[in-house]
């Protein structure tokens, strides 16, 4: 089993991605709203940061992301990664997203 994580920066693709995943048989994922570290740093009052840098970061449009986490059997992970790439495109493109997986050695609560 694998934990597949997608940090999707192109949030406008979320609805299409969910639809395609469901059509391919992916039955569950946890979706969290994310924000980048730069945005978090801008909001810290006690951080010694140059004033100009703080203003530049504060004036930029707030970047959001969606974090999707899947617990999948190995063969499901392959299908899920394929669908994600079909919808999102090449993850090497800037501001697209990040995808990775880690092996799961123990899981409980999947209802199987």
C-alpha atoms as a PDB file:
ATOM      1  CA  UNK A   1       0.000   0.000   0.000  1.00  0.00           C
ATOM      2  CA  UNK A   2       1.004   3.593  -0.541  1.00  0.00           C
ATOM      3  CA  UNK A   3       0.148   7.038   0.724  1.00  0.00           C
ATOM      4  CA  UNK A   4      -0.115   9.166  -2.407  1.00  0.00           C
ATOM      5  CA  UNK A   5      -0.008  12.913  -1.786  1.00  0.00           C
ATOM      6  CA  UNK A   6      -0.850  15.579  -4.362  1.00  0.00           C
ATOM      7  CA  UNK A   7      -0.320  19.253  -3.610  1.00  0.00           C
ATOM      8  CA  UNK A   8      -2.342  20.880  -6.376  1.00  0.00           C
ATOM      9  CA  UNK A   9      -1.508  24.510  -7.122  1.00  0.00           C
ATOM     10  CA  UNK A  10      -3.842  24.645 -10.135  1.00  0.00           C
ATOM     11  CA  UNK A  11      -6.956  24.514  -7.961  1.00  0.00           C
ATOM     12  CA  UNK A  12      -9.173  25.362 -10.932  1.00  0.00           C
ATOM     13  CA  UNK A  13      -8.643  21.760 -12.084  1.00  0.00           C
ATOM     14  CA  UNK A  14      -9.990  20.193  -8.871  1.00  0.00           C
ATOM     15  CA  UNK A  15     -13.542  19.503 -10.098  1.00  0.00           C
ATOM     16  CA  UNK A  16     -12.340  17.855 -13.308  1.00  0.00           C
ATOM     17  CA  UNK A  17      -9.752  15.848 -11.378  1.00  0.00           C
ATOM     18  CA  UNK A  18     -12.313  14.568  -8.877  1.00  0.00           C
ATOM     19  CA  UNK A  19     -14.652  13.546 -11.682  1.00  0.00           C
ATOM     20  CA  UNK A  20     -11.920  11.664 -13.583  1.00  0.00           C
ATOM     21  CA  UNK A  21     -10.690   9.963 -10.415  1.00  0.00           C
ATOM     22  CA  UNK A  22     -14.213   8.768  -9.582  1.00  0.00           C
ATOM     23  CA  UNK A  23     -14.671   7.501 -13.144  1.00  0.00           C
ATOM     24  CA  UNK A  24     -11.441   5.519 -12.829  1.00  0.00           C
ATOM     25  CA  UNK A  25     -12.597   3.822  -9.629  1.00  0.00           C
ATOM     26  CA  UNK A  26     -10.787   5.863  -7.002  1.00  0.00           C
ATOM     27  CA  UNK A  27     -13.230   5.827  -4.112  1.00  0.00           C
ATOM     28  CA  UNK A  28     -11.666   8.015  -1.491  1.00  0.00           C
ATOM     29  CA  UNK A  29      -9.268  10.782  -0.711  1.00  0.00           C
ATOM     30  CA  UNK A  30      -8.843  13.374   1.982  1.00  0.00           C
ATOM     31  CA  UNK A  31      -8.705  16.944   0.690  1.00  0.00           C
ATOM     32  CA  UNK A  32      -7.207  19.759   2.723  1.00  0.00           C
ATOM     33  CA  UNK A  33      -6.829  23.433   1.923  1.00  0.00           C
ATOM     34  CA  UNK A  34      -3.203  24.516   1.847  1.00  0.00           C
ATOM     35  CA  UNK A  35      -1.137  27.672   1.822  1.00  0.00           C
ATOM     36  CA  UNK A  36       2.510  28.286   1.126  1.00  0.00           C
ATOM     37  CA  UNK A  37       5.215  29.044   3.620  1.00  0.00           C
ATOM     38  CA  UNK A  38       5.754  32.549   2.213  1.00  0.00           C
ATOM     39  CA  UNK A  39       2.176  33.499   3.059  1.00  0.00           C
ATOM     40  CA  UNK A  40       2.576  32.173   6.593  1.00  0.00           C
ATOM     41  CA  UNK A  41       5.808  34.149   7.061  1.00  0.00           C
ATOM     42  CA  UNK A  42       4.180  37.396   5.940  1.00  0.00           C
ATOM     43  CA  UNK A  43       1.636  37.100   8.753  1.00  0.00           C
ATOM     44  CA  UNK A  44       4.244  36.647  11.498  1.00  0.00           C
ATOM     45  CA  UNK A  45       4.683  39.908  13.367  1.00  0.00           C
ATOM     46  CA  UNK A  46       7.727  38.876  15.411  1.00  0.00           C
ATOM     47  CA  UNK A  47       9.753  37.568  12.473  1.00  0.00           C
ATOM     48  CA  UNK A  48      12.747  39.772  11.693  1.00  0.00           C
ATOM     49  CA  UNK A  49      12.074  40.280   8.006  1.00  0.00           C
ATOM     50  CA  UNK A  50      12.992  43.209   5.806  1.00  0.00           C
ATOM     51  CA  UNK A  51      10.018  45.558   5.543  1.00  0.00           C
ATOM     52  CA  UNK A  52      10.212  45.762   1.740  1.00  0.00           C
ATOM     53  CA  UNK A  53      10.174  41.980   1.409  1.00  0.00           C
ATOM     54  CA  UNK A  54       7.193  41.756   3.735  1.00  0.00           C
ATOM     55  CA  UNK A  55       5.286  44.331   1.640  1.00  0.00           C
ATOM     56  CA  UNK A  56       6.118  42.565  -1.615  1.00  0.00           C
ATOM     57  CA  UNK A  57       4.903  39.234  -0.304  1.00  0.00           C
ATOM     58  CA  UNK A  58       1.813  40.786   1.280  1.00  0.00           C
ATOM     59  CA  UNK A  59       0.838  42.526  -1.970  1.00  0.00           C
ATOM     60  CA  UNK A  60       1.064  39.351  -4.043  1.00  0.00           C
ATOM     61  CA  UNK A  61      -2.118  37.447  -4.714  1.00  0.00           C
ATOM     62  CA  UNK A  62      -2.683  34.841  -2.031  1.00  0.00           C
ATOM     63  CA  UNK A  63      -1.689  31.474  -3.408  1.00  0.00           C
ATOM     64  CA  UNK A  64      -3.812  28.587  -2.275  1.00  0.00           C
ATOM     65  CA  UNK A  65      -3.423  24.932  -2.912  1.00  0.00           C
ATOM     66  CA  UNK A  66      -5.387  21.767  -2.357  1.00  0.00           C
ATOM     67  CA  UNK A  67      -3.691  18.834  -0.667  1.00  0.00           C
ATOM     68  CA  UNK A  68      -5.096  15.443  -1.610  1.00  0.00           C
ATOM     69  CA  UNK A  69      -4.091  12.315   0.285  1.00  0.00           C
ATOM     70  CA  UNK A  70      -4.939   8.806  -0.904  1.00  0.00           C
ATOM     71  CA  UNK A  71      -4.336   5.462   0.820  1.00  0.00           C
ATOM     72  CA  UNK A  72      -4.111   3.051  -2.094  1.00  0.00           C
ATOM     73  CA  UNK A  73      -3.088  -0.433  -3.058  1.00  0.00           C
ATOM     74  CA  UNK A  74      -0.018  -0.352  -5.293  1.00  0.00           C
ATOM     75  CA  UNK A  75      -1.996  -1.020  -8.487  1.00  0.00           C
ATOM     76  CA  UNK A  76      -4.533   1.706  -7.581  1.00  0.00           C
ATOM     77  CA  UNK A  77      -1.679   4.149  -6.993  1.00  0.00           C
ATOM     78  CA  UNK A  78      -0.434   3.609 -10.549  1.00  0.00           C
ATOM     79  CA  UNK A  79      -3.899   4.332 -11.975  1.00  0.00           C
ATOM     80  CA  UNK A  80      -4.383   7.361  -9.729  1.00  0.00           C
ATOM     81  CA  UNK A  81      -1.034   8.885 -10.739  1.00  0.00           C
ATOM     82  CA  UNK A  82      -1.908   8.354 -14.399  1.00  0.00           C
ATOM     83  CA  UNK A  83      -5.279  10.103 -14.047  1.00  0.00           C
ATOM     84  CA  UNK A  84      -3.710  13.004 -12.139  1.00  0.00           C
ATOM     85  CA  UNK A  85      -1.124  13.532 -14.884  1.00  0.00           C
ATOM     86  CA  UNK A  86      -3.804  13.326 -17.603  1.00  0.00           C
ATOM     87  CA  UNK A  87      -5.838  16.092 -15.959  1.00  0.00           C
ATOM     88  CA  UNK A  88      -3.064  18.331 -14.625  1.00  0.00           C
ATOM     89  CA  UNK A  89      -0.420  17.797 -17.267  1.00  0.00           C
ATOM     90  CA  UNK A  90       3.308  17.863 -16.710  1.00  0.00           C
ATOM     91  CA  UNK A  91       4.101  18.466 -13.050  1.00  0.00           C
ATOM     92  CA  UNK A  92       7.487  19.842 -14.092  1.00  0.00           C
ATOM     93  CA  UNK A  93       5.726  23.030 -15.192  1.00  0.00           C
ATOM     94  CA  UNK A  94       5.989  25.838 -12.604  1.00  0.00           C
ATOM     95  CA  UNK A  95       3.069  26.376 -10.217  1.00  0.00           C
ATOM     96  CA  UNK A  96       1.378  23.113 -11.168  1.00  0.00           C
ATOM     97  CA  UNK A  97       1.831  20.912  -8.151  1.00  0.00           C
ATOM     98  CA  UNK A  98       3.847  18.252  -6.412  1.00  0.00           C
ATOM     99  CA  UNK A  99       3.038  14.561  -6.209  1.00  0.00           C
ATOM    100  CA  UNK A 100       4.794  11.880  -4.178  1.00  0.00           C
ATOM    101  CA  UNK A 101       4.082   8.598  -2.465  1.00  0.00           C
ATOM    102  CA  UNK A 102       5.441   6.768   0.532  1.00  0.00           C
ATOM    103  CA  UNK A 103       5.019   3.123   1.403  1.00  0.00           C
ATOM    104  CA  UNK A 104       2.530   2.210   4.104  1.00  0.00           C
ATOM    105  CA  UNK A 105       3.540  -0.649   6.373  1.00  0.00           C
ATOM    106  CA  UNK A 106       0.449  -0.515   8.591  1.00  0.00           C
ATOM    107  CA  UNK A 107      -3.089   0.697   8.053  1.00  0.00           C
ATOM    108  CA  UNK A 108      -6.307   0.356   9.995  1.00  0.00           C
ATOM    109  CA  UNK A 109      -9.784   1.697   9.377  1.00  0.00           C
ATOM    110  CA  UNK A 110     -10.171   1.225   5.631  1.00  0.00           C
ATOM    111  CA  UNK A 111     -13.224  -0.969   6.072  1.00  0.00           C
ATOM    112  CA  UNK A 112     -11.743  -3.853   4.084  1.00  0.00           C
END
